[in-house]
Amino acid sequence: MRIIWFWLATAALVCAQEPASVLQNVCGKCHAPDSVLTARPKAQWEETINKMVDMGAKVSPEERTILIDFLSTTYAPGAPNARGARGGARGGARGGGPTLNGAPLDRHVVDPEAANRGRRIWVAECIECHGTSARGTDKGKNLIQSDMVLHDRYGSTLVPFLAKGHPMQSGRKSASIAKTDVADLSHFIHERVYDTLRGSPIFKPLNLLTGNAKAGEAWFNGAGKCSTCHSPGGDLKGIGGKYDPPTLQGRFLFPRGGGRGASGRGKQLTLTITPLNGPSVTGVPVVFDDFDVSVRDDQGKVHAFTRSPQLKVVRNDPFAMHDQLLDVYTDKNMHDMLAYLVTLK
């Protein structure tokens, strides 16, 4: 019986906590709470709190419930207190929330039901100019690449933009669209943006095999000078049967590494350093700036030098030609090269 009374007393104490105090006590240890209170739907607030816990934040189950309920109500899309709130006085993705390179860090989480409602507005008012997938037509721009769309959060930039007046296919004034309808339209457009990402369930690489293999072979052996380093019967033997076209294209365009299809593993930039007095040394760069340079040789020994006019430093970059070709390739060169490489099976 005492245990039950203790539990009830504890629950009552937790329920009596002020949500704002919980926010300050839990989040305020690492953040200035006002700096991160951008408009987010409940699902994103839950994701944010879960990340905090994963990173070591001490949040009890009761505090987690209080925080999510408080934040998803007080700082939801459309709430007047939230930065980036649609149609709010402080709205606008540029209106004070955390940013990276000018873009908001808070991701627009698409509500599928709202996106379906927005689709009806899109078909009625936007599709003739901006196309089925919002990629634009001869009459209207590509919204997938629009800065305004990418900065928008739940209508935060679309609402003021349409309020100023924008041509619509029905002839209606764009300012007549309700803010809630603009928010639905924002969900639809952001859904189209996310459809372009590789993680999208509908993403499919386009058919890249549109080039001429014979022309690609001629460019490989001629203007491209690829044959000076590579051989169809040597390092490229069987490459066309080893990779699908998108991966193969990534390998010959960006072989240095760090991206999909990169083929630069095992090859490294090295420096050859020759001092005024003493032997040359070659190794992988450890420090390479305007003041100092050091390399690690094959035995793991580090050789350090102070930069001077007398110190000769030569870069040995196995991908230098590939970098230069990026300024030379035409679309036709790239498609022809891919068509040729696919034949090397």
Protein backbone atom coordinates (compact mmCIF):
# COMPACT_ATOMS: atom_id res chain seq x y z
CA MET A 1 0.00 0.00 0.00
CA ARG A 2 2.85 2.37 0.85
CA ILE A 3 4.38 1.65 -2.58
CA ILE A 4 1.14 2.64 -4.30
CA TRP A 5 0.89 5.85 -2.33
CA PHE A 6 4.54 6.63 -3.09
CA TRP A 7 3.93 6.06 -6.82
CA LEU A 8 0.84 8.28 -6.80
CA ALA A 9 2.68 11.02 -4.96
CA THR A 10 5.59 10.84 -7.41
CA ALA A 11 3.24 10.92 -10.40
CA ALA A 12 1.41 13.91 -8.97
CA LEU A 13 4.72 15.71 -8.43
CA VAL A 14 5.78 15.05 -12.04
CA CYS A 15 2.42 16.18 -13.42
CA ALA A 16 2.69 19.33 -11.36
CA GLN A 17 5.95 20.28 -13.03
CA GLU A 18 5.74 23.30 -15.27
CA PRO A 19 6.60 22.24 -18.87
CA ALA A 20 8.69 25.36 -19.37
CA SER A 21 10.72 24.43 -16.27
CA VAL A 22 11.27 20.91 -17.59
CA LEU A 23 12.41 22.41 -20.89
CA GLN A 24 14.89 24.66 -19.09
CA ASN A 25 16.14 21.93 -16.72
CA VAL A 26 16.58 19.27 -19.40
CA CYS A 27 17.48 21.18 -22.57
CA GLY A 28 18.89 24.32 -21.02
CA LYS A 29 21.95 22.46 -19.75
CA CYS A 30 23.39 22.44 -23.26
CA HIS A 31 21.25 24.84 -25.28
CA ALA A 32 19.72 28.24 -25.08
CA PRO A 33 16.17 26.89 -25.62
CA ASP A 34 14.94 29.94 -27.52
CA SER A 35 17.63 29.31 -30.15
CA VAL A 36 16.20 25.93 -31.17
CA LEU A 37 12.45 26.46 -30.88
CA THR A 38 11.62 26.35 -34.58
CA ALA A 39 8.28 25.13 -35.87
CA ARG A 40 8.25 21.32 -36.04
CA PRO A 41 5.50 18.69 -36.11
CA LYS A 42 5.19 16.19 -33.25
CA ALA A 43 7.06 13.43 -35.11
CA GLN A 44 10.10 15.67 -35.49
CA TRP A 45 10.01 16.80 -31.86
CA GLU A 46 9.97 13.11 -30.83
CA GLU A 47 12.95 12.48 -33.12
CA THR A 48 14.80 15.45 -31.61
CA ILE A 49 14.21 14.32 -28.01
CA ASN A 50 15.26 10.76 -28.88
CA LYS A 51 18.51 12.06 -30.38
CA MET A 52 19.19 14.03 -27.20
CA VAL A 53 18.74 10.86 -25.14
CA ASP A 54 20.98 8.86 -27.49
CA MET A 55 23.67 11.52 -27.06
CA GLY A 56 23.55 11.18 -23.27
CA ALA A 57 20.88 13.64 -22.11
CA LYS A 58 19.29 12.63 -18.81
CA VAL A 59 15.56 12.57 -19.56
CA SER A 60 13.12 10.51 -17.52
CA PRO A 61 10.12 8.91 -19.28
CA GLU A 62 7.83 11.40 -17.54
CA GLU A 63 9.96 14.37 -18.63
CA ARG A 64 10.07 13.03 -22.18
CA THR A 65 6.26 12.93 -22.28
CA ILE A 66 5.99 16.45 -20.86
CA LEU A 67 8.55 17.83 -23.33
CA ILE A 68 6.99 16.24 -26.42
CA ASP A 69 3.46 17.30 -25.47
CA PHE A 70 4.59 20.84 -24.65
CA LEU A 71 6.85 21.34 -27.69
CA SER A 72 4.49 19.73 -30.22
CA THR A 73 1.68 21.98 -29.01
CA THR A 74 3.46 25.26 -28.30
CA TYR A 75 5.99 25.06 -31.13
CA ALA A 76 4.00 23.26 -33.80
CA PRO A 77 3.76 24.47 -37.42
CA GLY A 78 1.25 27.29 -37.32
CA ALA A 79 1.74 28.11 -33.63
CA PRO A 80 2.44 31.85 -33.13
CA ASN A 81 5.35 31.20 -30.74
CA ALA A 82 7.38 29.09 -33.15
CA ARG A 83 10.01 30.49 -35.45
CA GLY A 84 9.24 29.48 -38.97
CA ALA A 85 5.56 29.07 -38.07
CA ARG A 86 3.39 29.22 -41.15
CA GLY A 87 1.74 32.54 -41.43
CA GLY A 88 2.89 33.62 -37.95
CA ALA A 89 4.14 37.07 -37.17
CA ARG A 90 7.62 35.68 -36.68
CA GLY A 91 7.29 33.31 -39.61
CA GLY A 92 9.82 32.71 -42.30
CA ALA A 93 12.59 30.16 -42.41
CA ARG A 94 15.05 33.04 -42.32
CA GLY A 95 13.37 34.42 -39.22
CA GLY A 96 15.79 33.41 -36.51
CA GLY A 97 16.09 29.61 -36.28
CA PRO A 98 19.44 27.81 -36.51
CA THR A 99 20.80 27.65 -40.04
CA LEU A 100 23.63 26.13 -42.05
CA ASN A 101 24.81 28.08 -45.12
CA GLY A 102 21.60 30.09 -44.91
CA ALA A 103 19.26 27.09 -44.88
CA PRO A 104 17.25 26.02 -41.82
CA LEU A 105 18.53 23.00 -39.93
CA ASP A 106 15.00 21.84 -39.11
CA ARG A 107 13.80 19.46 -41.80
CA HIS A 108 10.32 19.81 -43.24
CA VAL A 109 8.58 16.56 -42.28
CA VAL A 110 5.97 15.75 -44.92
CA ASP A 111 2.48 14.87 -43.73
CA PRO A 112 1.13 12.47 -46.43
CA GLU A 113 -2.50 13.50 -45.83
CA ALA A 114 -1.63 17.18 -46.11
CA ALA A 115 0.41 16.46 -49.25
CA ASN A 116 -2.63 14.76 -50.82
CA ARG A 117 -4.74 17.81 -50.03
CA GLY A 118 -2.00 20.01 -51.49
CA ARG A 119 -1.98 17.88 -54.66
CA ARG A 120 -5.54 19.01 -55.43
CA ILE A 121 -4.47 22.66 -55.17
CA TRP A 122 -1.42 21.93 -57.33
CA VAL A 123 -3.52 20.33 -60.09
CA ALA A 124 -6.02 23.18 -60.01
CA GLU A 125 -3.58 26.09 -59.89
CA CYS A 126 0.07 25.15 -60.57
CA ILE A 127 0.55 22.10 -62.77
CA GLU A 128 0.35 23.83 -66.16
CA CYS A 129 3.36 26.02 -65.42
CA HIS A 130 5.44 23.97 -62.98
CA GLY A 131 4.70 20.46 -64.25
CA THR A 132 3.55 17.22 -62.67
CA SER A 133 6.68 16.79 -60.55
CA ALA A 134 7.33 20.50 -59.85
CA ARG A 135 10.35 20.38 -62.17
CA GLY A 136 9.11 23.24 -64.30
CA THR A 137 8.02 23.70 -67.91
CA ASP A 138 8.54 26.34 -70.59
CA LYS A 139 5.98 28.43 -68.69
CA GLY A 140 7.33 28.15 -65.15
CA LYS A 141 10.50 27.49 -63.15
CA ASN A 142 11.75 24.30 -61.54
CA LEU A 143 10.60 24.46 -57.90
CA ILE A 144 12.79 21.52 -56.87
CA GLN A 145 15.76 23.88 -57.20
CA SER A 146 14.03 26.97 -55.84
CA ASP A 147 15.72 28.67 -52.88
CA MET A 148 12.33 29.86 -51.68
CA VAL A 149 10.98 26.29 -51.60
CA LEU A 150 14.10 24.88 -49.94
CA HIS A 151 13.89 27.53 -47.21
CA ASP A 152 10.15 27.01 -46.75
CA ARG A 153 8.86 25.26 -43.66
CA TYR A 154 5.12 24.52 -43.66
CA GLY A 155 4.32 27.56 -45.77
CA SER A 156 6.66 30.00 -44.01
CA THR A 157 7.97 31.46 -47.30
CA LEU A 158 5.13 30.38 -49.60
CA VAL A 159 2.47 32.28 -47.63
CA PRO A 160 4.10 35.74 -47.97
CA PHE A 161 5.16 34.99 -51.56
CA LEU A 162 1.62 34.12 -52.69
CA ALA A 163 0.18 36.99 -50.65
CA LYS A 164 2.11 39.42 -52.88
CA GLY A 165 0.41 38.02 -55.96
CA HIS A 166 1.39 35.24 -58.36
CA PRO A 167 -0.34 34.13 -61.61
CA MET A 168 -2.51 31.02 -61.21
CA GLN A 169 -4.00 28.90 -63.98
CA SER A 170 -7.58 29.34 -62.75
CA GLY A 171 -7.29 33.11 -62.89
CA ARG A 172 -7.89 33.44 -59.15
CA LYS A 173 -5.73 35.73 -57.06
CA SER A 174 -3.03 33.79 -55.25
CA ALA A 175 -3.61 35.90 -52.13
CA SER A 176 -7.06 34.32 -51.85
CA ILE A 177 -5.62 30.88 -50.97
CA ALA A 178 -6.06 30.19 -47.25
CA LYS A 179 -2.88 29.88 -45.22
CA THR A 180 -3.80 26.31 -44.22
CA ASP A 181 -4.16 25.43 -47.91
CA VAL A 182 -0.75 26.97 -48.66
CA ALA A 183 0.70 24.82 -45.87
CA ASP A 184 -0.84 21.74 -47.56
CA LEU A 185 0.65 22.89 -50.86
CA SER A 186 4.02 23.19 -49.11
CA HIS A 187 3.76 19.56 -48.00
CA PHE A 188 3.06 18.48 -51.60
CA ILE A 189 6.02 20.44 -53.02
CA HIS A 190 8.41 19.17 -50.34
CA GLU A 191 7.26 15.64 -51.11
CA ARG A 192 8.32 16.25 -54.72
CA VAL A 193 11.68 17.57 -53.48
CA TYR A 194 12.27 14.44 -51.40
CA ASP A 195 11.26 12.24 -54.36
CA THR A 196 14.49 13.35 -56.05
CA LEU A 197 16.66 11.87 -53.27
CA ARG A 198 18.15 8.40 -53.57
CA GLY A 199 16.44 7.43 -50.33
CA SER A 200 13.00 8.05 -51.81
CA PRO A 201 10.92 4.89 -52.34
CA ILE A 202 10.13 6.01 -55.88
CA PHE A 203 13.69 6.99 -56.84
CA LYS A 204 14.99 5.19 -59.91
CA PRO A 205 18.17 6.12 -61.76
CA LEU A 206 17.45 7.32 -65.28
CA ASN A 207 18.66 5.36 -68.28
CA LEU A 208 22.19 6.67 -68.77
CA LEU A 209 23.06 4.57 -71.82
CA THR A 210 22.20 7.17 -74.43
CA GLY A 211 25.69 7.67 -75.91
CA ASN A 212 27.56 6.22 -78.86
CA ALA A 213 30.06 3.50 -77.88
CA LYS A 214 32.17 3.98 -81.02
CA ALA A 215 32.44 7.71 -80.39
CA GLY A 216 33.36 6.96 -76.78
CA GLU A 217 36.13 4.61 -77.86
CA ALA A 218 37.50 7.26 -80.24
CA TRP A 219 37.48 9.88 -77.47
CA PHE A 220 39.12 7.40 -75.04
CA ASN A 221 42.00 6.83 -77.44
CA GLY A 222 42.10 10.37 -78.82
CA ALA A 223 41.09 13.73 -77.33
CA GLY A 224 40.43 12.34 -73.86
CA LYS A 225 43.93 10.82 -73.63
CA CYS A 226 42.51 8.09 -71.38
CA SER A 227 44.58 5.41 -73.13
CA THR A 228 47.79 7.01 -71.85
CA CYS A 229 47.00 5.60 -68.38
CA HIS A 230 44.30 2.96 -68.90
CA SER A 231 43.86 -0.10 -71.08
CA PRO A 232 40.69 -2.02 -72.09
CA GLY A 233 42.65 -5.26 -71.79
CA GLY A 234 44.45 -4.24 -68.60
CA ASP A 235 43.09 -2.30 -65.64
CA LEU A 236 39.69 -1.82 -67.32
CA LYS A 237 39.23 -5.42 -68.39
CA GLY A 238 35.72 -6.61 -67.51
CA ILE A 239 34.72 -3.31 -65.90
CA GLY A 240 31.50 -3.11 -67.93
CA GLY A 241 30.22 -6.35 -66.41
CA LYS A 242 31.28 -5.47 -62.89
CA TYR A 243 29.18 -2.33 -62.30
CA ASP A 244 25.78 -1.01 -63.27
CA PRO A 245 25.79 2.15 -65.46
CA PRO A 246 25.18 4.72 -62.66
CA THR A 247 28.01 3.25 -60.56
CA LEU A 248 30.32 2.98 -63.57
CA GLN A 249 29.69 6.62 -64.45
CA GLY A 250 30.56 7.65 -60.88
CA ARG A 251 33.79 5.67 -61.03
CA PHE A 252 35.21 7.30 -64.12
CA LEU A 253 33.98 10.83 -63.34
CA PHE A 254 34.94 10.92 -59.64
CA PRO A 255 37.51 8.20 -58.95
CA ARG A 256 39.21 10.03 -56.09
CA GLY A 257 36.89 8.59 -53.45
CA GLY A 258 34.21 9.71 -51.02
CA GLY A 259 31.18 9.22 -53.26
CA ARG A 260 28.97 6.53 -54.72
CA GLY A 261 30.96 4.36 -57.09
CA ALA A 262 34.29 5.89 -56.14
CA SER A 263 37.28 3.90 -57.36
CA GLY A 264 40.09 5.80 -55.67
CA ARG A 265 40.57 3.47 -52.72
CA GLY A 266 44.20 2.47 -52.37
CA LYS A 267 45.51 5.44 -54.35
CA GLN A 268 46.67 8.47 -52.42
CA LEU A 269 48.03 11.91 -52.98
CA THR A 270 51.71 12.04 -52.01
CA LEU A 271 54.25 14.84 -51.72
CA THR A 272 57.89 14.74 -52.72
CA ILE A 273 59.88 17.19 -50.60
CA THR A 274 63.41 18.21 -51.59
CA PRO A 275 65.30 20.44 -49.14
CA LEU A 276 68.19 22.65 -50.23
CA ASN A 277 70.64 20.33 -48.49
CA GLY A 278 69.69 16.70 -48.01
CA PRO A 279 67.86 13.86 -49.74
CA SER A 280 64.31 14.02 -51.07
CA VAL A 281 61.54 12.30 -49.15
CA THR A 282 58.16 11.13 -50.45
CA GLY A 283 55.10 10.31 -48.38
CA VAL A 284 51.47 10.91 -47.59
CA PRO A 285 50.79 14.51 -46.42
CA VAL A 286 50.31 15.01 -42.67
CA VAL A 287 50.52 18.82 -42.65
CA PHE A 288 50.50 20.89 -45.82
CA ASP A 289 49.87 24.62 -45.44
CA ASP A 290 51.57 27.94 -46.12
CA PHE A 291 53.95 27.57 -43.18
CA ASP A 292 54.71 23.90 -42.64
CA VAL A 293 54.73 20.63 -44.53
CA SER A 294 55.20 17.10 -43.24
CA VAL A 295 54.74 13.65 -44.73
CA ARG A 296 54.59 10.08 -43.49
CA ASP A 297 56.78 7.71 -45.53
CA ASP A 298 56.21 4.03 -46.30
CA GLN A 299 57.85 3.01 -43.01
CA GLY A 300 55.54 5.25 -41.00
CA LYS A 301 58.19 7.85 -40.16
CA VAL A 302 57.09 11.50 -40.22
CA HIS A 303 59.37 14.07 -41.90
CA ALA A 304 58.59 17.70 -41.05
CA PHE A 305 59.82 20.88 -42.73
CA THR A 306 59.27 24.61 -42.54
CA ARG A 307 58.13 26.08 -45.85
CA SER A 308 60.66 28.34 -47.56
CA PRO A 309 61.54 29.41 -51.12
CA GLN A 310 64.41 26.91 -51.05
CA LEU A 311 62.19 23.96 -50.11
CA LYS A 312 60.81 22.22 -53.21
CA VAL A 313 57.43 20.49 -52.79
CA VAL A 314 55.91 18.46 -55.63
CA ARG A 315 52.38 17.03 -55.52
CA ASN A 316 52.03 13.52 -56.90
CA ASP A 317 48.29 13.31 -57.55
CA PRO A 318 47.10 10.10 -59.27
CA PHE A 319 43.77 11.76 -60.08
CA ALA A 320 45.01 15.10 -61.39
CA MET A 321 44.02 14.25 -64.97
CA HIS A 322 40.53 13.23 -63.88
CA ASP A 323 40.10 16.57 -62.11
CA GLN A 324 41.20 18.42 -65.25
CA LEU A 325 38.82 16.42 -67.40
CA LEU A 326 35.84 17.68 -65.41
CA ASP A 327 36.44 21.06 -67.08
CA VAL A 328 36.76 19.42 -70.49
CA TYR A 329 33.94 16.85 -70.66
CA THR A 330 30.83 17.73 -72.61
CA ASP A 331 27.56 15.89 -71.96
CA LYS A 332 28.17 13.98 -75.20
CA ASN A 333 31.69 12.97 -74.10
CA MET A 334 30.39 11.60 -70.81
CA HIS A 335 27.52 9.63 -72.37
CA ASP A 336 29.72 8.29 -75.16
CA MET A 337 32.42 7.25 -72.67
CA LEU A 338 29.90 5.44 -70.50
CA ALA A 339 28.44 3.64 -73.53
CA TYR A 340 31.96 2.49 -74.46
CA LEU A 341 32.99 1.38 -70.96
CA VAL A 342 29.82 -0.72 -70.64
CA THR A 343 31.03 -2.78 -73.62
CA LEU A 344 34.22 -3.80 -71.77
CA LYS A 345 32.95 -7.09 -70.39
